[in-house]
Amino acid sequence: MIKRNDFLYIGDGFDNTVKTFEAETGRFLGSFVASGSNGLNGPRGLIFDHSGNLLVTNQNIGQPQNGDVLKYNRQTGEFLGELVQSNAPGAPFAPRGIVLSNENLLFVADMGDVDVPGEVRLYNGTTGEFLGNLNHSSFTGQFHPRAVVIGPDGLLYVSVRKLPQGSGGSVLRFNLRTGQFIGVFIASNTENDLNRPEGLVFGPDGNLYITSFRRDDKDTDKILIFDGKTGKFLNKIELDVVGQPRAFAQALLFGPDGKLFVPITGDGPDTGSVRRYNVIHHFKTFDVIVPSASAGGPLGSPWYLTFGNTNPATLAFQHDRDDCTRELSNESS
């Protein structure tokens, strides 16, 4: 298969843009979506839909209306309208992670708030019509979902935090066809130290990688690695050091050459950088593909990311997304 050049897109909460970079070199190419474009105020989840257009979950931070899902032309970044309108039935209060199934079903993690219940909301991927919420009634914990991904087993994985607690959290699984809760795949415990999980993605090795935040000032921000089939805790990648400035990640994604791309936020000199980890055999070495803001980089507060060749359902990086989509469709038929 011929290797193709690709681009990396990152939502920047600092100036409400979506910025573009060369995927292989990290060279900054400019703002693909301009600051505040047509109401963009708190960009979160990013994916390209089956027509090649960019979908962005938008939190409308500090605004009186709910969040929404905005659509932009893949080639030009031109605004194409609200796919999910903020004033429509079933609009998300605080949308974050997003995936689009092969059946064109759009799943949006709506974290809610302390006084607003969280939901995983389901929409038609073409019209934005609200189709209902996933049924989590049999889950006894607090349900405030932050990110979603469709796993190799065809189930929907959801990272869930507690509010307002700073510790704990879990990863749940749902049946895509019925919307029913299957069970807790990963629960926080003293061994894995899972706290406020957000971004989650399956790696080329089949393992599940999850961003996790520090429990307190004696803990670290990190990426946790779990067996993708059993949920067993395997390893961790620490992003900062106890007693030093924080360097945490909201989201993460695998890209070219099987490298793990991690946009860094925090209160230290690494904020705005994008690290590229070599996770083969858990070596955990990395280089900085996008420099930090303090080093002249363009990102002020990076959140979610996508490549042009990121599969919108599994979030796996594909050199030829069309071939991959056909393969996934054949597997599910």
C-alpha atoms as a PDB file:
ATOM      1  CA  MET A   1       0.000   0.000   0.000  1.00  0.00           C
ATOM      2  CA  ILE A   2       1.361   3.427  -0.933  1.00  0.00           C
ATOM      3  CA  LYS A   3       1.984   5.707   2.015  1.00  0.00           C
ATOM      4  CA  ARG A   4       0.217   9.033   1.602  1.00  0.00           C
ATOM      5  CA  ASN A   5       0.922  12.389   3.129  1.00  0.00           C
ATOM      6  CA  ASP A   6      -1.598  13.456   5.717  1.00  0.00           C
ATOM      7  CA  PHE A   7      -2.476  16.393   7.916  1.00  0.00           C
ATOM      8  CA  LEU A   8      -3.041  16.733  11.634  1.00  0.00           C
ATOM      9  CA  TYR A   9      -5.918  18.874  12.897  1.00  0.00           C
ATOM     10  CA  ILE A  10      -6.071  20.099  16.508  1.00  0.00           C
ATOM     11  CA  GLY A  11      -8.767  22.114  18.264  1.00  0.00           C
ATOM     12  CA  ASP A  12      -7.286  25.002  20.241  1.00  0.00           C
ATOM     13  CA  GLY A  13      -9.440  26.206  23.136  1.00  0.00           C
ATOM     14  CA  PHE A  14      -7.190  29.229  23.648  1.00  0.00           C
ATOM     15  CA  ASP A  15      -8.391  31.096  20.557  1.00  0.00           C
ATOM     16  CA  ASN A  16     -11.246  28.805  19.424  1.00  0.00           C
ATOM     17  CA  THR A  17      -9.643  27.596  16.210  1.00  0.00           C
ATOM     18  CA  VAL A  18      -8.867  24.309  14.504  1.00  0.00           C
ATOM     19  CA  LYS A  19      -5.214  24.386  13.464  1.00  0.00           C
ATOM     20  CA  THR A  20      -3.521  22.273  10.779  1.00  0.00           C
ATOM     21  CA  PHE A  21      -0.067  20.672  10.733  1.00  0.00           C
ATOM     22  CA  GLU A  22       1.846  18.336   8.455  1.00  0.00           C
ATOM     23  CA  ALA A  23       1.362  14.917  10.024  1.00  0.00           C
ATOM     24  CA  GLU A  24       4.931  13.721   9.440  1.00  0.00           C
ATOM     25  CA  THR A  25       6.872  16.881  10.300  1.00  0.00           C
ATOM     26  CA  GLY A  26       4.537  18.908  12.535  1.00  0.00           C
ATOM     27  CA  ARG A  27       5.019  21.989  10.343  1.00  0.00           C
ATOM     28  CA  PHE A  28       2.293  24.520  11.123  1.00  0.00           C
ATOM     29  CA  LEU A  29       0.078  25.270   8.129  1.00  0.00           C
ATOM     30  CA  GLY A  30      -2.312  27.786   9.675  1.00  0.00           C
ATOM     31  CA  SER A  31      -5.818  27.861  11.094  1.00  0.00           C
ATOM     32  CA  PHE A  32      -8.082  25.549   9.123  1.00  0.00           C
ATOM     33  CA  VAL A  33     -11.101  26.922  11.016  1.00  0.00           C
ATOM     34  CA  ALA A  34     -10.673  30.582  11.918  1.00  0.00           C
ATOM     35  CA  SER A  35     -11.085  31.901  15.430  1.00  0.00           C
ATOM     36  CA  GLY A  36     -14.715  31.868  16.511  1.00  0.00           C
ATOM     37  CA  SER A  37     -15.869  30.822  13.033  1.00  0.00           C
ATOM     38  CA  ASN A  38     -19.679  30.928  13.036  1.00  0.00           C
ATOM     39  CA  GLY A  39     -19.961  30.464  16.789  1.00  0.00           C
ATOM     40  CA  LEU A  40     -17.018  28.132  17.419  1.00  0.00           C
ATOM     41  CA  ASN A  41     -16.488  28.656  21.140  1.00  0.00           C
ATOM     42  CA  GLY A  42     -14.879  25.691  22.840  1.00  0.00           C
ATOM     43  CA  PRO A  43     -13.855  23.178  20.130  1.00  0.00           C
ATOM     44  CA  ARG A  44     -13.669  19.630  21.455  1.00  0.00           C
ATOM     45  CA  GLY A  45     -14.107  16.366  19.495  1.00  0.00           C
ATOM     46  CA  LEU A  46     -12.952  16.303  15.860  1.00  0.00           C
ATOM     47  CA  ILE A  47     -13.643  13.737  13.132  1.00  0.00           C
ATOM     48  CA  PHE A  48     -14.136  13.708   9.372  1.00  0.00           C
ATOM     49  CA  ASP A  49     -17.484  12.283   8.332  1.00  0.00           C
ATOM     50  CA  HIS A  50     -18.133   9.816   5.502  1.00  0.00           C
ATOM     51  CA  SER A  51     -18.446  12.695   3.013  1.00  0.00           C
ATOM     52  CA  GLY A  52     -15.060  14.072   4.021  1.00  0.00           C
ATOM     53  CA  ASN A  53     -16.341  17.073   5.980  1.00  0.00           C
ATOM     54  CA  LEU A  54     -14.965  18.041   9.388  1.00  0.00           C
ATOM     55  CA  LEU A  55     -17.306  17.694  12.369  1.00  0.00           C
ATOM     56  CA  VAL A  56     -16.474  19.599  15.563  1.00  0.00           C
ATOM     57  CA  THR A  57     -18.251  19.328  18.891  1.00  0.00           C
ATOM     58  CA  ASN A  58     -18.588  22.860  20.218  1.00  0.00           C
ATOM     59  CA  GLN A  59     -19.254  23.542  23.891  1.00  0.00           C
ATOM     60  CA  ASN A  60     -20.393  27.180  23.558  1.00  0.00           C
ATOM     61  CA  ILE A  61     -18.422  27.994  26.692  1.00  0.00           C
ATOM     62  CA  GLY A  62     -19.814  30.934  28.641  1.00  0.00           C
ATOM     63  CA  GLN A  63     -22.799  31.196  26.312  1.00  0.00           C
ATOM     64  CA  PRO A  64     -26.465  30.789  27.299  1.00  0.00           C
ATOM     65  CA  GLN A  65     -27.182  28.061  24.729  1.00  0.00           C
ATOM     66  CA  ASN A  66     -26.343  24.366  24.760  1.00  0.00           C
ATOM     67  CA  GLY A  67     -23.435  22.936  22.831  1.00  0.00           C
ATOM     68  CA  ASP A  68     -23.746  21.860  19.210  1.00  0.00           C
ATOM     69  CA  VAL A  69     -21.930  20.018  16.411  1.00  0.00           C
ATOM     70  CA  LEU A  70     -20.551  22.180  13.604  1.00  0.00           C
ATOM     71  CA  LYS A  71     -19.623  21.103  10.076  1.00  0.00           C
ATOM     72  CA  TYR A  72     -16.799  22.457   7.893  1.00  0.00           C
ATOM     73  CA  ASN A  73     -15.681  21.757   4.332  1.00  0.00           C
ATOM     74  CA  ARG A  74     -12.656  19.441   4.331  1.00  0.00           C
ATOM     75  CA  GLN A  75     -10.821  21.299   1.576  1.00  0.00           C
ATOM     76  CA  THR A  76     -11.438  24.929   2.514  1.00  0.00           C
ATOM     77  CA  GLY A  77     -12.599  24.990   6.143  1.00  0.00           C
ATOM     78  CA  GLU A  78     -15.733  26.826   4.988  1.00  0.00           C
ATOM     79  CA  PHE A  79     -18.568  26.671   7.520  1.00  0.00           C
ATOM     80  CA  LEU A  80     -21.355  24.363   6.325  1.00  0.00           C
ATOM     81  CA  GLY A  81     -23.774  24.847   9.212  1.00  0.00           C
ATOM     82  CA  GLU A  82     -24.825  23.251  12.480  1.00  0.00           C
ATOM     83  CA  LEU A  83     -25.222  19.520  12.055  1.00  0.00           C
ATOM     84  CA  VAL A  84     -26.671  19.318  15.573  1.00  0.00           C
ATOM     85  CA  GLN A  85     -28.296  22.606  16.512  1.00  0.00           C
ATOM     86  CA  SER A  86     -27.923  24.021  20.010  1.00  0.00           C
ATOM     87  CA  ASN A  87     -31.662  24.740  20.250  1.00  0.00           C
ATOM     88  CA  ALA A  88     -32.845  21.417  18.805  1.00  0.00           C
ATOM     89  CA  PRO A  89     -34.326  18.560  20.850  1.00  0.00           C
ATOM     90  CA  GLY A  90     -31.555  16.438  22.328  1.00  0.00           C
ATOM     91  CA  ALA A  91     -28.856  19.092  21.929  1.00  0.00           C
ATOM     92  CA  PRO A  92     -25.817  18.272  24.085  1.00  0.00           C
ATOM     93  CA  PHE A  93     -25.128  20.458  27.116  1.00  0.00           C
ATOM     94  CA  ALA A  94     -21.335  19.947  27.179  1.00  0.00           C
ATOM     95  CA  PRO A  95     -20.262  17.838  24.159  1.00  0.00           C
ATOM     96  CA  ARG A  96     -16.754  16.377  24.098  1.00  0.00           C
ATOM     97  CA  GLY A  97     -15.685  13.164  22.335  1.00  0.00           C
ATOM     98  CA  ILE A  98     -17.381  12.080  19.107  1.00  0.00           C
ATOM     99  CA  VAL A  99     -17.410   9.066  16.766  1.00  0.00           C
ATOM    100  CA  LEU A 100     -19.357   8.175  13.629  1.00  0.00           C
ATOM    101  CA  SER A 101     -20.221   4.522  12.985  1.00  0.00           C
ATOM    102  CA  ASN A 102     -20.148   2.788   9.611  1.00  0.00           C
ATOM    103  CA  GLU A 103     -23.952   2.925   9.743  1.00  0.00           C
ATOM    104  CA  ASN A 104     -23.700   6.740   9.919  1.00  0.00           C
ATOM    105  CA  LEU A 105     -24.754   6.970  13.559  1.00  0.00           C
ATOM    106  CA  LEU A 106     -23.126   9.869  15.383  1.00  0.00           C
ATOM    107  CA  PHE A 107     -22.287   9.261  19.053  1.00  0.00           C
ATOM    108  CA  VAL A 108     -21.516  12.326  21.181  1.00  0.00           C
ATOM    109  CA  ALA A 109     -20.291  12.211  24.782  1.00  0.00           C
ATOM    110  CA  ASP A 110     -22.186  14.916  26.684  1.00  0.00           C
ATOM    111  CA  MET A 111     -20.454  15.319  30.034  1.00  0.00           C
ATOM    112  CA  GLY A 112     -23.230  17.397  31.567  1.00  0.00           C
ATOM    113  CA  ASP A 113     -22.370  19.213  34.794  1.00  0.00           C
ATOM    114  CA  VAL A 114     -22.725  18.847  38.548  1.00  0.00           C
ATOM    115  CA  ASP A 115     -26.423  19.671  38.224  1.00  0.00           C
ATOM    116  CA  VAL A 116     -26.918  18.419  34.649  1.00  0.00           C
ATOM    117  CA  PRO A 117     -27.036  14.662  33.931  1.00  0.00           C
ATOM    118  CA  GLY A 118     -24.492  13.350  31.473  1.00  0.00           C
ATOM    119  CA  GLU A 119     -25.517  11.319  28.419  1.00  0.00           C
ATOM    120  CA  VAL A 120     -24.138   9.615  25.341  1.00  0.00           C
ATOM    121  CA  ARG A 121     -26.334  11.104  22.652  1.00  0.00           C
ATOM    122  CA  LEU A 122     -27.104   9.543  19.287  1.00  0.00           C
ATOM    123  CA  TYR A 123     -27.792  11.454  16.063  1.00  0.00           C
ATOM    124  CA  ASN A 124     -28.223  10.827  12.366  1.00  0.00           C
ATOM    125  CA  GLY A 125     -24.793  11.544  10.872  1.00  0.00           C
ATOM    126  CA  THR A 126     -26.255  13.259   7.807  1.00  0.00           C
ATOM    127  CA  THR A 127     -29.235  15.218   9.104  1.00  0.00           C
ATOM    128  CA  GLY A 128     -28.284  15.673  12.771  1.00  0.00           C
ATOM    129  CA  GLU A 129     -31.657  14.339  13.872  1.00  0.00           C
ATOM    130  CA  PHE A 130     -31.653  13.312  17.542  1.00  0.00           C
ATOM    131  CA  LEU A 131     -32.222   9.567  17.861  1.00  0.00           C
ATOM    132  CA  GLY A 132     -32.068   9.190  21.643  1.00  0.00           C
ATOM    133  CA  ASN A 133     -29.613   8.538  24.467  1.00  0.00           C
ATOM    134  CA  LEU A 134     -27.828   5.303  25.284  1.00  0.00           C
ATOM    135  CA  ASN A 135     -29.429   3.447  28.166  1.00  0.00           C
ATOM    136  CA  HIS A 136     -27.118   3.606  31.199  1.00  0.00           C
ATOM    137  CA  SER A 137     -29.828   3.097  33.823  1.00  0.00           C
ATOM    138  CA  SER A 138     -28.225  -0.108  35.115  1.00  0.00           C
ATOM    139  CA  PHE A 139     -24.908   1.654  35.786  1.00  0.00           C
ATOM    140  CA  THR A 140     -24.963   2.618  39.471  1.00  0.00           C
ATOM    141  CA  GLY A 141     -22.143   5.183  39.422  1.00  0.00           C
ATOM    142  CA  GLN A 142     -22.079   8.809  38.334  1.00  0.00           C
ATOM    143  CA  PHE A 143     -22.419   9.044  34.560  1.00  0.00           C
ATOM    144  CA  HIS A 144     -20.512  11.987  33.105  1.00  0.00           C
ATOM    145  CA  PRO A 145     -19.041  10.740  29.789  1.00  0.00           C
ATOM    146  CA  ARG A 146     -16.037  12.484  28.284  1.00  0.00           C
ATOM    147  CA  ALA A 147     -14.929  10.458  25.252  1.00  0.00           C
ATOM    148  CA  VAL A 148     -16.105   7.587  23.058  1.00  0.00           C
ATOM    149  CA  VAL A 149     -14.525   5.073  20.689  1.00  0.00           C
ATOM    150  CA  ILE A 150     -15.746   1.962  18.861  1.00  0.00           C
ATOM    151  CA  GLY A 151     -13.515  -0.956  19.783  1.00  0.00           C
ATOM    152  CA  PRO A 152     -12.232  -3.879  17.693  1.00  0.00           C
ATOM    153  CA  ASP A 153     -15.086  -5.961  19.131  1.00  0.00           C
ATOM    154  CA  GLY A 154     -17.691  -3.579  17.702  1.00  0.00           C
ATOM    155  CA  LEU A 155     -18.722  -2.241  21.121  1.00  0.00           C
ATOM    156  CA  LEU A 156     -18.797   1.409  22.132  1.00  0.00           C
ATOM    157  CA  TYR A 157     -16.303   2.314  24.869  1.00  0.00           C
ATOM    158  CA  VAL A 158     -17.052   5.378  27.001  1.00  0.00           C
ATOM    159  CA  SER A 159     -14.776   7.134  29.506  1.00  0.00           C
ATOM    160  CA  VAL A 160     -16.759   8.385  32.502  1.00  0.00           C
ATOM    161  CA  ARG A 161     -15.791  10.684  35.370  1.00  0.00           C
ATOM    162  CA  LYS A 162     -17.409  11.684  38.624  1.00  0.00           C
ATOM    163  CA  LEU A 163     -18.456  15.242  39.426  1.00  0.00           C
ATOM    164  CA  PRO A 164     -17.235  17.182  41.301  1.00  0.00           C
ATOM    165  CA  GLN A 165     -14.775  14.579  42.628  1.00  0.00           C
ATOM    166  CA  GLY A 166     -11.213  14.794  41.374  1.00  0.00           C
ATOM    167  CA  SER A 167     -10.529  11.087  41.741  1.00  0.00           C
ATOM    168  CA  GLY A 168     -11.928   7.885  40.298  1.00  0.00           C
ATOM    169  CA  GLY A 169     -13.684   7.141  37.046  1.00  0.00           C
ATOM    170  CA  SER A 170     -14.336   4.208  34.746  1.00  0.00           C
ATOM    171  CA  VAL A 171     -14.626   2.948  31.194  1.00  0.00           C
ATOM    172  CA  LEU A 172     -17.973   1.451  30.221  1.00  0.00           C
ATOM    173  CA  ARG A 173     -19.113  -0.609  27.242  1.00  0.00           C
ATOM    174  CA  PHE A 174     -22.348  -0.374  25.265  1.00  0.00           C
ATOM    175  CA  ASN A 175     -23.960  -2.433  22.526  1.00  0.00           C
ATOM    176  CA  LEU A 176     -24.023  -0.295  19.369  1.00  0.00           C
ATOM    177  CA  ARG A 177     -27.121  -1.888  17.917  1.00  0.00           C
ATOM    178  CA  THR A 178     -29.331  -1.838  21.007  1.00  0.00           C
ATOM    179  CA  GLY A 179     -27.798   1.068  22.921  1.00  0.00           C
ATOM    180  CA  GLN A 180     -27.802  -1.038  26.074  1.00  0.00           C
ATOM    181  CA  PHE A 181     -25.165  -0.855  28.799  1.00  0.00           C
ATOM    182  CA  ILE A 182     -23.063  -4.025  28.866  1.00  0.00           C
ATOM    183  CA  GLY A 183     -20.879  -3.413  31.872  1.00  0.00           C
ATOM    184  CA  VAL A 184     -17.851  -1.729  33.397  1.00  0.00           C
ATOM    185  CA  PHE A 185     -14.735  -2.612  31.410  1.00  0.00           C
ATOM    186  CA  ILE A 186     -12.267  -0.725  33.612  1.00  0.00           C
ATOM    187  CA  ALA A 187     -12.846   0.612  37.117  1.00  0.00           C
ATOM    188  CA  SER A 188     -10.509   2.908  39.008  1.00  0.00           C
ATOM    189  CA  ASN A 189      -8.447   1.221  41.719  1.00  0.00           C
ATOM    190  CA  THR A 190      -5.194   1.699  43.614  1.00  0.00           C
ATOM    191  CA  GLU A 191      -3.237  -0.275  41.014  1.00  0.00           C
ATOM    192  CA  ASN A 192      -4.237   1.640  37.884  1.00  0.00           C
ATOM    193  CA  ASP A 193      -4.783   5.062  39.550  1.00  0.00           C
ATOM    194  CA  LEU A 194      -7.426   5.978  36.947  1.00  0.00           C
ATOM    195  CA  ASN A 195      -8.703   9.499  37.625  1.00  0.00           C
ATOM    196  CA  ARG A 196     -11.013  11.642  35.501  1.00  0.00           C
ATOM    197  CA  PRO A 197     -10.379   9.593  32.326  1.00  0.00           C
ATOM    198  CA  GLU A 198     -10.985  11.303  29.011  1.00  0.00           C
ATOM    199  CA  GLY A 199      -9.336  10.452  25.691  1.00  0.00           C
ATOM    200  CA  LEU A 200      -9.277   6.776  24.814  1.00  0.00           C
ATOM    201  CA  VAL A 201      -8.016   4.970  21.729  1.00  0.00           C
ATOM    202  CA  PHE A 202      -7.049   1.427  20.767  1.00  0.00           C
ATOM    203  CA  GLY A 203      -3.472   1.122  19.566  1.00  0.00           C
ATOM    204  CA  PRO A 204      -2.042  -0.978  16.736  1.00  0.00           C
ATOM    205  CA  ASP A 205      -1.042  -3.437  19.473  1.00  0.00           C
ATOM    206  CA  GLY A 206      -4.705  -3.919  20.434  1.00  0.00           C
ATOM    207  CA  ASN A 207      -4.254  -2.257  23.819  1.00  0.00           C
ATOM    208  CA  LEU A 208      -6.448   0.566  25.105  1.00  0.00           C
ATOM    209  CA  TYR A 209      -4.708   3.881  25.871  1.00  0.00           C
ATOM    210  CA  ILE A 210      -6.470   6.363  28.177  1.00  0.00           C
ATOM    211  CA  THR A 211      -5.584   9.846  29.403  1.00  0.00           C
ATOM    212  CA  SER A 212      -5.777  10.111  33.193  1.00  0.00           C
ATOM    213  CA  PHE A 213      -5.308  13.087  35.483  1.00  0.00           C
ATOM    214  CA  ARG A 214      -3.485  13.370  38.774  1.00  0.00           C
ATOM    215  CA  ARG A 215      -5.368  12.532  41.959  1.00  0.00           C
ATOM    216  CA  ASP A 216      -3.628  15.258  43.988  1.00  0.00           C
ATOM    217  CA  ASP A 217      -0.323  17.150  44.107  1.00  0.00           C
ATOM    218  CA  LYS A 218       1.496  13.956  45.084  1.00  0.00           C
ATOM    219  CA  ASP A 219       0.386  12.194  41.916  1.00  0.00           C
ATOM    220  CA  THR A 220       1.162  12.598  38.192  1.00  0.00           C
ATOM    221  CA  ASP A 221      -0.796  13.138  35.005  1.00  0.00           C
ATOM    222  CA  LYS A 222      -0.416  10.126  32.767  1.00  0.00           C
ATOM    223  CA  ILE A 223      -1.529   7.822  29.988  1.00  0.00           C
ATOM    224  CA  LEU A 224      -2.693   4.422  31.196  1.00  0.00           C
ATOM    225  CA  ILE A 225      -2.400   1.273  29.079  1.00  0.00           C
ATOM    226  CA  PHE A 226      -4.849  -1.631  29.411  1.00  0.00           C
ATOM    227  CA  ASP A 227      -5.251  -4.952  27.651  1.00  0.00           C
ATOM    228  CA  GLY A 228      -7.821  -4.275  24.936  1.00  0.00           C
ATOM    229  CA  LYS A 229      -9.585  -7.600  25.423  1.00  0.00           C
ATOM    230  CA  THR A 230      -9.578  -8.082  29.202  1.00  0.00           C
ATOM    231  CA  GLY A 231      -9.180  -4.570  30.610  1.00  0.00           C
ATOM    232  CA  LYS A 232      -6.179  -5.673  32.655  1.00  0.00           C
ATOM    233  CA  PHE A 233      -3.875  -2.815  33.650  1.00  0.00           C
ATOM    234  CA  LEU A 234      -0.531  -3.155  31.827  1.00  0.00           C
ATOM    235  CA  ASN A 235       1.548  -0.024  32.074  1.00  0.00           C
ATOM    236  CA  LYS A 236       1.602   3.771  32.175  1.00  0.00           C
ATOM    237  CA  ILE A 237       3.296   6.725  30.532  1.00  0.00           C
ATOM    238  CA  GLU A 238       3.802   9.546  33.008  1.00  0.00           C
ATOM    239  CA  LEU A 239       3.460  12.976  31.437  1.00  0.00           C
ATOM    240  CA  ASP A 240       4.922  15.060  34.253  1.00  0.00           C
ATOM    241  CA  VAL A 241       6.784  14.765  37.544  1.00  0.00           C
ATOM    242  CA  VAL A 242       5.512  15.206  41.095  1.00  0.00           C
ATOM    243  CA  GLY A 243       6.418  18.666  42.335  1.00  0.00           C
ATOM    244  CA  GLN A 244       7.055  20.006  38.821  1.00  0.00           C
ATOM    245  CA  PRO A 245       4.683  21.955  36.518  1.00  0.00           C
ATOM    246  CA  ARG A 246       1.806  19.911  35.169  1.00  0.00           C
ATOM    247  CA  ALA A 247       1.705  18.536  31.626  1.00  0.00           C
ATOM    248  CA  PHE A 248      -1.595  16.732  31.078  1.00  0.00           C
ATOM    249  CA  ALA A 249      -3.509  15.584  28.007  1.00  0.00           C
ATOM    250  CA  GLN A 250      -7.227  15.741  27.267  1.00  0.00           C
ATOM    251  CA  ALA A 251      -7.017  13.492  24.225  1.00  0.00           C
ATOM    252  CA  LEU A 252      -4.639  11.267  22.271  1.00  0.00           C
ATOM    253  CA  LEU A 253      -4.507   9.537  18.907  1.00  0.00           C
ATOM    254  CA  PHE A 254      -2.314   7.147  16.937  1.00  0.00           C
ATOM    255  CA  GLY A 255      -0.889   8.500  13.706  1.00  0.00           C
ATOM    256  CA  PRO A 256       1.778   7.713  11.084  1.00  0.00           C
ATOM    257  CA  ASP A 257       4.298   4.953  11.849  1.00  0.00           C
ATOM    258  CA  GLY A 258       2.224   3.733  14.785  1.00  0.00           C
ATOM    259  CA  LYS A 259       3.263   6.710  16.919  1.00  0.00           C
ATOM    260  CA  LEU A 260       1.006   8.044  19.683  1.00  0.00           C
ATOM    261  CA  PHE A 261       0.303  11.787  19.336  1.00  0.00           C
ATOM    262  CA  VAL A 262      -0.434  13.604  22.610  1.00  0.00           C
ATOM    263  CA  PRO A 263      -1.295  17.347  22.780  1.00  0.00           C
ATOM    264  CA  ILE A 264      -0.104  18.795  26.091  1.00  0.00           C
ATOM    265  CA  THR A 265      -1.846  21.334  28.306  1.00  0.00           C
ATOM    266  CA  GLY A 266      -0.991  22.326  31.869  1.00  0.00           C
ATOM    267  CA  ASP A 267       0.627  25.121  33.806  1.00  0.00           C
ATOM    268  CA  GLY A 268       4.217  24.697  32.690  1.00  0.00           C
ATOM    269  CA  PRO A 269       6.569  25.242  29.750  1.00  0.00           C
ATOM    270  CA  ASP A 270       5.301  22.180  27.831  1.00  0.00           C
ATOM    271  CA  THR A 271       1.808  23.624  27.326  1.00  0.00           C
ATOM    272  CA  GLY A 272       0.855  23.769  23.654  1.00  0.00           C
ATOM    273  CA  SER A 273       3.321  21.113  22.556  1.00  0.00           C
ATOM    274  CA  VAL A 274       2.428  17.873  20.820  1.00  0.00           C
ATOM    275  CA  ARG A 275       4.457  14.848  21.873  1.00  0.00           C
ATOM    276  CA  ARG A 276       4.891  11.856  19.581  1.00  0.00           C
ATOM    277  CA  TYR A 277       5.484   8.657  21.551  1.00  0.00           C
ATOM    278  CA  ASN A 278       7.073   5.443  20.379  1.00  0.00           C
ATOM    279  CA  VAL A 279       5.080   2.906  22.362  1.00  0.00           C
ATOM    280  CA  ILE A 280       6.374  -0.280  20.742  1.00  0.00           C
ATOM    281  CA  HIS A 281       7.143  -2.647  23.599  1.00  0.00           C
ATOM    282  CA  HIS A 282       6.319   0.260  25.951  1.00  0.00           C
ATOM    283  CA  PHE A 283       9.653   1.980  25.356  1.00  0.00           C
ATOM    284  CA  LYS A 284       7.795   5.274  25.946  1.00  0.00           C
ATOM    285  CA  THR A 285      10.361   7.466  24.195  1.00  0.00           C
ATOM    286  CA  PHE A 286       9.003  10.581  22.502  1.00  0.00           C
ATOM    287  CA  ASP A 287       9.916  13.590  20.437  1.00  0.00           C
ATOM    288  CA  VAL A 288       8.139  16.950  20.282  1.00  0.00           C
ATOM    289  CA  ILE A 289       6.568  17.335  16.854  1.00  0.00           C
ATOM    290  CA  VAL A 290       4.852  20.687  17.640  1.00  0.00           C
ATOM    291  CA  PRO A 291       6.759  23.059  19.936  1.00  0.00           C
ATOM    292  CA  SER A 292       5.178  24.481  23.071  1.00  0.00           C
ATOM    293  CA  ALA A 293       3.690  27.962  23.179  1.00  0.00           C
ATOM    294  CA  SER A 294       6.636  29.120  25.275  1.00  0.00           C
ATOM    295  CA  ALA A 295       8.962  27.940  22.500  1.00  0.00           C
ATOM    296  CA  GLY A 296       7.000  29.804  19.828  1.00  0.00           C
ATOM    297  CA  GLY A 297       4.473  27.112  18.925  1.00  0.00           C
ATOM    298  CA  PRO A 298       0.972  28.113  17.738  1.00  0.00           C
ATOM    299  CA  LEU A 299      -1.162  26.114  20.209  1.00  0.00           C
ATOM    300  CA  GLY A 300      -2.349  27.743  23.415  1.00  0.00           C
ATOM    301  CA  SER A 301      -4.700  25.092  24.798  1.00  0.00           C
ATOM    302  CA  PRO A 302      -4.854  21.992  22.571  1.00  0.00           C
ATOM    303  CA  TRP A 303      -7.719  19.568  23.059  1.00  0.00           C
ATOM    304  CA  TYR A 304      -8.904  16.891  20.652  1.00  0.00           C
ATOM    305  CA  LEU A 305      -7.176  15.980  17.408  1.00  0.00           C
ATOM    306  CA  THR A 306      -7.716  14.052  14.203  1.00  0.00           C
ATOM    307  CA  PHE A 307      -5.806  13.144  11.077  1.00  0.00           C
ATOM    308  CA  GLY A 308      -7.353  13.246   7.634  1.00  0.00           C
ATOM    309  CA  ASN A 309      -7.003   9.457   7.595  1.00  0.00           C
ATOM    310  CA  THR A 310      -8.388   8.821  11.074  1.00  0.00           C
ATOM    311  CA  ASN A 311     -11.245   6.340  10.922  1.00  0.00           C
ATOM    312  CA  PRO A 312     -14.238   8.231  12.403  1.00  0.00           C
ATOM    313  CA  ALA A 313     -15.556   5.117  14.171  1.00  0.00           C
ATOM    314  CA  THR A 314     -12.494   3.378  15.593  1.00  0.00           C
ATOM    315  CA  LEU A 315     -10.209   6.466  15.604  1.00  0.00           C
ATOM    316  CA  ALA A 316      -7.516   4.235  14.122  1.00  0.00           C
ATOM    317  CA  PHE A 317      -5.063   5.787  11.682  1.00  0.00           C
ATOM    318  CA  GLN A 318      -5.443   4.430   8.142  1.00  0.00           C
ATOM    319  CA  HIS A 319      -3.173   5.064   5.169  1.00  0.00           C
ATOM    320  CA  ASP A 320      -6.159   4.516   2.900  1.00  0.00           C
ATOM    321  CA  ARG A 321      -9.349   5.321   4.771  1.00  0.00           C
ATOM    322  CA  ASP A 322     -11.658   4.289   1.910  1.00  0.00           C
ATOM    323  CA  ASP A 323     -10.210   0.774   1.874  1.00  0.00           C
ATOM    324  CA  CYS A 324     -10.432   0.624   5.637  1.00  0.00           C
ATOM    325  CA  THR A 325     -14.050   1.757   5.710  1.00  0.00           C
ATOM    326  CA  ARG A 326     -14.954  -0.958   3.225  1.00  0.00           C
ATOM    327  CA  GLU A 327     -13.151  -3.565   5.340  1.00  0.00           C
ATOM    328  CA  LEU A 328     -14.992  -2.490   8.498  1.00  0.00           C
ATOM    329  CA  SER A 329     -18.305  -2.480   6.646  1.00  0.00           C
ATOM    330  CA  ASN A 330     -17.676  -6.037   5.420  1.00  0.00           C
ATOM    331  CA  GLU A 331     -16.784  -7.174   8.940  1.00  0.00           C
ATOM    332  CA  SER A 332     -19.986  -5.766  10.419  1.00  0.00           C
ATOM    333  CA  SER A 333     -22.274  -7.120   7.691  1.00  0.00           C
END
